[in-house]
Protein backbone atom coordinates (compact mmCIF):
# COMPACT_ATOMS: atom_id res chain seq x y z
CA MET A 1 123.51 105.91 137.24
CA LYS A 2 124.82 109.21 135.86
CA ARG A 3 126.05 107.47 132.70
CA PHE A 4 122.63 105.87 132.23
CA LEU A 5 120.88 109.26 132.56
CA LEU A 6 123.27 110.82 130.05
CA ILE A 7 122.60 108.10 127.47
CA LEU A 8 118.85 108.44 128.06
CA LEU A 9 119.00 112.21 127.48
CA ILE A 10 120.89 111.72 124.23
CA PHE A 11 118.19 109.35 122.90
CA LEU A 12 115.31 111.53 124.11
CA PHE A 13 116.80 114.83 122.94
CA PRO A 14 118.97 114.19 119.86
CA SER A 15 118.89 117.91 119.10
CA PHE A 16 121.62 118.29 121.70
CA MET A 17 123.93 116.52 119.28
CA LEU A 18 122.69 118.31 116.16
CA ALA A 19 123.30 121.74 117.65
CA GLN A 20 127.08 121.31 117.99
CA ASN A 21 129.33 123.72 116.09
CA VAL A 22 131.53 122.42 113.28
CA SER A 23 135.14 123.57 113.40
CA THR A 24 137.30 123.95 110.28
CA GLY A 25 141.02 124.29 109.76
CA GLY A 26 140.73 127.93 108.68
CA HIS A 27 138.57 130.97 109.30
CA GLU A 28 135.76 130.05 106.92
CA GLN A 29 132.21 129.10 107.84
CA LEU A 30 131.19 125.55 106.97
CA THR A 31 127.66 124.57 105.97
CA ILE A 32 126.80 120.90 105.62
CA LYS A 33 123.79 120.14 103.47
CA GLY A 34 122.47 117.40 101.24
CA PHE A 35 119.62 114.94 100.99
CA ILE A 36 118.62 111.35 101.61
CA SER A 37 117.06 109.68 98.57
CA THR A 38 115.32 106.32 98.41
CA THR A 39 113.70 104.68 95.38
CA LEU A 40 111.74 101.43 95.31
CA PHE A 41 111.29 100.38 91.69
CA GLY A 42 110.13 97.75 89.25
CA GLN A 43 111.48 97.35 85.69
CA ASN A 44 110.74 95.07 82.75
CA GLN A 45 114.01 95.69 80.92
CA THR A 46 117.65 96.39 81.68
CA PHE A 47 118.56 100.08 81.31
CA GLY A 48 121.76 102.03 80.69
CA PHE A 49 123.59 103.56 82.52
CA ALA A 50 122.33 101.14 85.16
CA ASN A 51 119.06 100.00 86.67
CA GLY A 52 117.32 101.83 89.50
CA GLN A 53 118.15 105.51 90.01
CA ALA A 54 120.58 105.52 87.03
CA ALA A 55 118.13 104.11 84.44
CA GLU A 56 118.15 106.20 81.24
CA TRP A 57 117.60 104.08 78.09
CA ALA A 58 116.40 100.54 77.48
CA VAL A 59 119.13 98.08 76.49
CA GLY A 60 118.38 95.40 73.89
CA PRO A 61 117.57 92.74 73.09
CA GLU A 62 114.11 93.00 74.60
CA TYR A 63 113.20 90.44 77.27
CA THR A 64 110.50 88.02 76.17
CA GLN A 65 109.64 86.17 79.39
CA ASN A 66 109.67 86.65 83.16
CA ARG A 67 110.43 90.30 82.42
CA TRP A 68 109.71 92.19 85.65
CA PHE A 69 112.28 92.55 88.42
CA TYR A 70 112.29 94.78 91.51
CA GLY A 71 114.77 96.57 93.71
CA GLY A 72 115.64 99.45 96.00
CA ASP A 73 118.23 102.19 95.44
CA VAL A 74 119.70 104.88 97.73
CA ARG A 75 122.67 105.96 95.59
CA ASN A 76 121.27 109.45 94.88
CA THR A 77 121.89 110.29 98.55
CA ARG A 78 124.24 113.27 98.64
CA MET A 79 126.43 115.22 101.05
CA THR A 80 127.68 118.74 100.24
CA PHE A 81 130.22 120.79 102.19
CA VAL A 82 129.99 124.52 101.44
CA TYR A 83 132.81 126.74 102.68
CA ASN A 84 132.08 130.45 103.01
CA GLY A 85 135.61 131.73 103.23
CA PRO A 86 137.03 134.93 104.66
CA GLU A 87 137.67 138.16 102.81
CA VAL A 88 141.28 138.22 101.68
CA SER A 89 141.05 141.97 101.04
CA SER A 90 138.41 144.68 101.08
CA SER A 91 136.93 143.44 97.78
CA TRP A 92 138.05 139.81 97.34
CA LYS A 93 136.44 136.82 99.02
CA LEU A 94 137.01 133.06 99.03
CA GLY A 95 134.66 130.09 99.05
CA GLY A 96 134.57 126.44 98.09
CA VAL A 97 132.49 123.29 97.69
CA MET A 98 133.07 119.56 98.08
CA GLU A 99 130.25 117.18 97.18
CA PHE A 100 129.79 113.40 97.31
CA ASP A 101 127.10 110.89 96.42
CA LEU A 102 127.01 107.06 96.43
CA PHE A 103 127.48 106.20 92.74
CA GLY A 104 131.06 104.99 93.16
CA GLY A 105 130.21 101.33 92.58
CA PHE A 106 129.62 98.64 95.21
CA ASP A 107 131.80 97.08 97.88
CA GLY A 108 132.49 93.71 96.29
CA ALA A 109 130.22 91.47 94.23
CA GLY A 110 128.83 89.09 96.83
CA ALA A 111 125.32 88.50 98.10
CA PHE A 112 125.32 91.65 100.26
CA SER A 113 127.26 94.09 98.07
CA ALA A 114 124.13 95.82 96.68
CA GLU A 115 123.51 97.32 100.13
CA LYS A 116 127.06 98.77 100.33
CA PRO A 117 127.42 101.53 97.70
CA ILE A 118 130.73 103.40 97.63
CA PRO A 119 130.95 107.22 97.87
CA ARG A 120 131.90 109.18 94.73
CA LEU A 121 133.38 112.67 94.48
CA ARG A 122 131.18 114.97 92.38
CA LEU A 123 132.45 118.50 92.92
CA ALA A 124 135.62 119.97 94.43
CA TYR A 125 136.41 123.62 93.70
CA VAL A 126 137.52 126.94 95.17
CA ASP A 127 135.80 130.23 94.34
CA VAL A 128 137.59 133.59 94.25
CA ILE A 129 134.96 136.34 94.17
CA HIS A 130 135.34 140.02 93.34
CA GLU A 131 132.09 142.00 93.04
CA ASN A 132 130.37 140.68 89.85
CA LEU A 133 133.24 138.34 88.93
CA LYS A 134 133.63 134.79 90.20
CA ILE A 135 136.66 132.65 89.33
CA ARG A 136 136.22 128.95 90.04
CA ILE A 137 139.18 126.55 90.08
CA GLY A 138 138.60 122.82 90.42
CA GLN A 139 136.08 120.19 89.34
CA ALA A 140 132.77 121.86 88.50
CA TRP A 141 129.86 121.65 86.08
CA THR A 142 130.69 122.85 82.60
CA PRO A 143 128.59 125.63 81.02
CA LEU A 144 126.97 123.07 78.70
CA PHE A 145 125.21 121.51 81.71
CA GLY A 146 121.95 123.48 81.69
CA ASN A 147 118.39 123.10 82.95
CA VAL A 148 117.66 120.00 85.06
CA PRO A 149 114.29 118.16 84.91
CA ALA A 150 112.40 117.70 88.16
CA SER A 151 112.41 114.13 89.46
CA LEU A 152 112.53 112.25 92.75
CA SER A 153 114.10 109.10 91.29
CA HIS A 154 116.46 110.61 88.69
CA ILE A 155 118.67 113.16 90.46
CA ALA A 156 122.34 112.26 89.95
CA PHE A 157 121.31 110.87 86.53
CA PRO A 158 118.59 113.33 85.48
CA LEU A 159 115.86 112.44 83.02
CA GLY A 160 117.23 112.47 79.47
CA TYR A 161 120.85 112.65 80.61
CA GLY A 162 123.14 111.26 77.94
CA ASN A 163 120.26 109.89 75.87
CA ALA A 164 117.48 112.43 75.22
CA GLY A 165 118.80 115.95 74.76
CA PHE A 166 120.56 116.50 78.09
CA VAL A 167 124.36 116.93 77.78
CA GLY A 168 127.23 118.34 79.86
CA TRP A 169 129.55 117.00 82.56
CA ARG A 170 131.91 118.12 85.33
CA PHE A 171 135.67 118.45 84.78
CA PRO A 172 138.67 119.97 86.56
CA GLY A 173 139.42 123.36 85.07
CA ALA A 174 139.12 127.13 85.35
CA TYR A 175 135.64 128.69 85.22
CA PHE A 176 134.76 132.36 84.94
CA TYR A 177 131.34 133.86 85.74
CA TYR A 178 130.49 137.51 85.25
CA LYS A 179 127.17 139.28 85.86
CA PHE A 180 126.61 142.59 84.15
CA ASN A 181 125.22 145.39 86.28
CA SER A 182 121.48 145.92 85.93
CA ASN A 183 119.10 148.24 87.70
CA GLY A 184 116.00 146.67 86.21
CA SER A 185 114.31 143.30 86.23
CA THR A 186 116.43 141.83 83.41
CA HIS A 187 119.93 140.51 84.03
CA LEU A 188 122.70 139.32 81.73
CA GLY A 189 125.67 137.15 82.56
CA ILE A 190 128.43 135.30 80.77
CA ASP A 191 130.22 132.07 81.71
CA ALA A 192 133.49 130.93 80.17
CA ALA A 193 135.56 127.86 80.92
CA VAL A 194 138.66 125.97 79.91
CA PHE A 195 138.93 122.51 81.37
CA GLU A 196 140.45 119.05 81.11
CA GLY A 197 140.32 117.22 77.80
CA SER A 198 138.66 113.82 77.90
CA TRP A 199 138.07 110.82 75.66
CA SER A 200 138.26 107.04 75.87
CA GLY A 201 141.53 105.64 74.60
CA PRO A 202 144.00 104.99 73.35
CA GLY A 203 146.04 105.16 76.50
CA SER A 204 144.89 105.31 80.11
CA ASN A 205 141.90 107.25 81.42
CA LEU A 206 143.46 107.08 84.90
CA ASN A 207 146.88 108.51 84.02
CA PHE A 208 145.81 111.40 81.75
CA LEU A 209 147.16 109.66 78.65
CA ASN A 210 143.96 109.30 76.63
CA ALA A 211 143.16 110.96 73.32
CA GLY A 212 141.45 113.92 74.99
CA ASN A 213 144.52 114.75 77.07
CA ALA A 214 146.73 114.42 73.99
CA GLY A 215 144.61 117.00 72.16
CA THR A 216 143.56 120.44 73.34
CA PRO A 217 141.64 121.29 76.50
CA GLN A 218 137.89 121.77 76.19
CA PHE A 219 136.50 125.29 75.80
CA GLU A 220 132.97 126.54 76.47
CA VAL A 221 131.15 129.84 76.68
CA LYS A 222 127.60 130.57 77.77
CA LEU A 223 125.38 133.67 77.71
CA ASN A 224 122.66 133.82 80.37
CA LEU A 225 119.50 135.92 80.47
CA SER A 226 117.05 136.15 83.36
CA SER A 227 114.01 138.37 83.68
CA LYS A 228 111.41 138.99 86.37
CA ILE A 229 108.18 139.33 84.43
CA SER A 230 105.95 139.94 87.45
CA LYS A 231 105.78 139.06 91.14
CA ALA A 232 104.70 135.53 90.26
CA ALA A 233 106.45 134.97 86.93
CA SER A 234 110.08 134.72 85.82
CA PHE A 235 111.88 133.74 82.62
CA LYS A 236 115.39 132.40 82.06
CA ALA A 237 117.27 131.49 78.90
CA TYR A 238 120.79 130.70 77.80
CA VAL A 239 122.86 129.77 74.77
CA ALA A 240 126.12 127.82 75.08
CA ALA A 241 128.89 126.74 72.70
CA HIS A 242 131.56 124.02 73.00
CA TYR A 243 134.88 123.26 71.26
CA ASP A 244 137.57 120.63 71.78
CA LYS A 245 140.08 118.58 69.80
CA LYS A 246 141.09 115.00 70.56
CA ASP A 247 144.30 113.44 69.25
CA LEU A 248 143.34 109.83 68.58
CA ALA A 249 146.99 108.87 68.08
CA GLY A 250 147.51 109.32 71.79
CA VAL A 251 150.53 110.44 73.78
CA ASN A 252 154.02 109.88 72.28
CA ASN A 253 152.64 108.73 68.91
CA SER A 254 152.73 110.35 65.50
CA PRO A 255 151.35 111.52 63.25
CA SER A 256 148.48 113.23 65.10
CA VAL A 257 144.96 112.09 64.29
CA ASP A 258 142.65 114.93 65.27
CA LEU A 259 138.94 114.61 66.00
CA THR A 260 137.19 117.92 66.65
CA GLY A 261 134.19 118.19 68.97
CA THR A 262 131.67 121.02 68.69
CA ALA A 263 128.24 121.75 70.11
CA VAL A 264 125.68 124.51 70.52
CA GLU A 265 122.86 124.42 73.03
CA PHE A 266 119.84 126.55 73.88
CA GLY A 267 117.79 126.27 77.05
CA ALA A 268 114.90 128.18 78.56
CA SER A 269 112.50 128.05 81.50
CA LEU A 270 109.30 129.87 82.39
CA LYS A 271 107.82 129.79 85.88
CA ALA A 272 104.45 131.46 86.32
CA GLY A 273 102.76 130.87 89.67
CA ASP A 274 102.24 127.14 90.03
CA PHE A 275 103.11 126.42 86.38
CA LEU A 276 106.56 125.46 85.06
CA ILE A 277 107.86 124.74 81.56
CA HIS A 278 111.56 124.27 80.82
CA GLY A 279 113.85 122.38 78.48
CA ASN A 280 117.00 122.19 76.37
CA VAL A 281 117.88 121.59 72.73
CA TYR A 282 121.37 120.86 71.39
CA SER A 283 123.25 119.97 68.22
CA GLY A 284 126.71 118.45 68.49
CA LYS A 285 129.50 116.47 66.88
CA ASN A 286 132.01 114.15 68.57
CA ILE A 287 131.04 115.06 72.15
CA GLY A 288 130.56 111.63 73.67
CA GLN A 289 132.68 112.80 76.62
CA GLN A 290 129.94 115.36 77.28
CA PHE A 291 127.22 112.66 77.07
CA GLY A 292 126.28 113.51 73.49
CA GLU A 293 125.42 111.02 70.71
CA ILE A 294 123.48 108.87 73.25
CA THR A 295 126.79 108.56 75.15
CA GLN A 296 128.83 106.90 72.40
CA ILE A 297 132.58 107.40 71.94
CA GLN A 298 134.28 106.32 68.74
CA HIS A 299 137.89 105.14 68.47
CA VAL A 300 138.31 105.99 64.80
CA ASN A 301 138.74 109.27 62.95
CA LYS A 302 135.14 109.47 61.78
CA ASP A 303 132.61 112.13 62.76
CA LEU A 304 129.53 111.28 64.81
CA SER A 305 126.77 113.89 64.97
CA SER A 306 123.53 114.13 66.94
CA VAL A 307 120.67 116.42 67.87
CA GLY A 308 118.51 116.19 70.96
CA LEU A 309 115.89 117.99 72.96
CA TRP A 310 113.76 117.64 76.07
CA VAL A 311 110.85 119.53 77.57
CA GLN A 312 109.06 119.20 80.91
CA LEU A 313 105.74 120.65 82.05
CA GLY A 314 104.88 120.93 85.72
CA TYR A 315 101.85 122.14 87.64
CA ASN A 316 101.25 122.32 91.40
CA PHE A 317 97.49 121.91 91.66
CA THR A 318 97.49 122.29 95.47
CA LYS A 319 99.96 123.64 98.00
CA ASN A 320 101.58 120.21 98.32
CA TRP A 321 100.63 118.17 95.24
CA GLY A 322 102.06 118.57 91.75
CA VAL A 323 102.26 116.70 88.43
CA TYR A 324 105.12 116.69 85.93
CA GLY A 325 105.32 115.38 82.37
CA PHE A 326 108.60 114.90 80.50
CA TYR A 327 109.48 114.10 76.89
CA GLY A 328 112.99 113.77 75.45
CA LEU A 329 114.30 112.81 72.02
CA GLU A 330 117.78 112.23 70.61
CA ASN A 331 118.76 111.33 67.03
CA VAL A 332 122.25 110.18 66.08
CA ASP A 333 123.28 110.35 62.42
CA LYS A 334 122.46 106.80 61.35
CA ALA A 335 124.91 106.50 58.47
CA GLN A 336 127.78 107.77 60.59
CA ALA A 337 126.92 105.57 63.58
CA LYS A 338 126.57 102.41 61.48
CA ALA A 339 129.98 103.08 59.89
CA ILE A 340 131.62 103.31 63.32
CA PHE A 341 129.93 100.86 65.71
CA PRO A 342 128.85 97.22 65.28
CA ASN A 343 125.80 97.85 67.50
CA PRO A 344 125.11 101.61 67.55
CA ARG A 345 122.43 103.47 69.48
CA LEU A 346 120.51 105.47 66.87
CA THR A 347 117.34 107.07 68.26
CA GLN A 348 115.98 107.40 71.76
CA ASN A 349 112.51 108.49 72.87
CA LEU A 350 111.96 108.98 76.60
CA LEU A 351 108.68 109.68 78.42
CA SER A 352 108.17 110.25 82.13
CA PHE A 353 105.26 111.16 84.39
CA MET A 354 105.54 112.09 88.07
CA LEU A 355 102.95 112.71 90.79
CA ARG A 356 104.69 114.42 93.72
CA TYR A 357 103.77 115.44 97.26
CA LYS A 358 106.05 118.00 98.91
CA THR A 359 105.99 119.61 102.33
CA GLY A 360 108.96 121.54 103.69
CA PRO A 361 112.16 119.49 103.21
CA PHE A 362 110.31 116.21 102.57
CA ALA A 363 108.80 114.87 99.34
CA TYR A 364 107.53 111.58 97.99
CA GLY A 365 106.03 110.56 94.71
CA PHE A 366 105.30 108.01 92.01
CA GLU A 367 107.05 108.04 88.62
CA LEU A 368 106.54 106.17 85.37
CA LEU A 369 109.46 106.05 82.92
CA GLN A 370 109.13 104.71 79.38
CA SER A 371 112.08 104.31 76.98
CA LYS A 372 112.07 103.31 73.32
CA LEU A 373 115.48 102.88 71.69
CA THR A 374 116.31 102.16 68.06
CA TYR A 375 119.67 100.45 67.75
CA GLY A 376 121.84 98.14 65.65
CA LEU A 377 122.74 97.94 61.99
CA THR A 378 119.26 96.63 61.16
CA GLU A 379 117.53 99.32 63.30
CA LYS A 380 115.91 97.07 65.88
CA THR A 381 113.81 98.58 68.67
CA VAL A 382 113.65 97.85 72.37
CA SER A 383 111.19 99.29 74.92
CA GLY A 384 111.54 99.39 78.67
CA THR A 385 109.40 100.61 81.56
CA GLN A 386 110.30 101.61 85.09
CA ILE A 387 107.77 102.27 87.86
CA ALA A 388 109.19 103.97 90.95
CA PHE A 389 108.14 105.17 94.38
CA SER A 390 110.66 107.63 95.81
CA THR A 391 111.19 109.73 98.91
CA LEU A 392 113.51 112.70 99.34
CA TYR A 393 114.53 114.44 102.55
CA LYS A 394 116.69 117.56 102.26
CA PHE A 395 118.78 118.87 105.13
């Protein structure tokens, strides 16, 4: 009887279980946070990187019959462990983050594998903090990863990511963040990073023997500006630069065949009351490992250049309801791309509209995504549409 009453209390009052303390192996405080994300969608074309919550650009050739298919996706769901570490001296403090989502593939390929996504490590780093200086060691977002468009369906793969002006990725490395002292409403900061080289062959991407590891590490620097215009308005802007060198000959081969990657990026955002406008613009060369050039990586010593931009407007017309419109564009140098790839991606136009309801930690909304891609040696076009209903619960 006592066991029955205990089980009944657990079901009736689950807060008893939620209120338990979490112990760690050290003296730090641990905060567990994240969100549960669900998207029910319909599409009339296959998308890259994948369908559902990872859809970014339409993949040709265009379907001509029985086009629409439907599905459900929960892979955006994320768990983050934030460690607020102890002070190691009177002025130095430690911290750290580990983060996972469910984009690690699927458990098998059978009839039920789609409902068994595998966890994927996103972030894993330690912070050493001293006043205005933060040193971050581990896998973190590079400075080139800037503003992020609002979306309920595209979170781990944001709108425009790798196809319409949104570049940047996360790599193991050393990251340095410094905020200059300011007594006013305007603040300046600088980010600098040196991190793992990356490319796709020759060699092994799993054993650190690819062309990026045979070249130099990647280097980036970013200057940040933020300003409080009024009680209801704020402005942020940044400019970032990237440099790397890949050795296409690979490890233990000679002579070296160097391919240099460079990029510059500018981003800004303005929030005024219930109105938001933000975006990015970049110009780069040989940065496929950073999702540039519509995520194309060449295996020959030929340059591949691209430019891209995106902008999003948002307006909350009531306390809970808001609308967001997105446009992104990316152009790859056509002559260069055609000389490298048998079926290159040349130009991408991406449109998205979202109607969102939000209250506290919960939100739901409808989104319409429209992609138009120009590809191939003869510059064919393919269009694709995704309609999505998504929910998001943050904890």
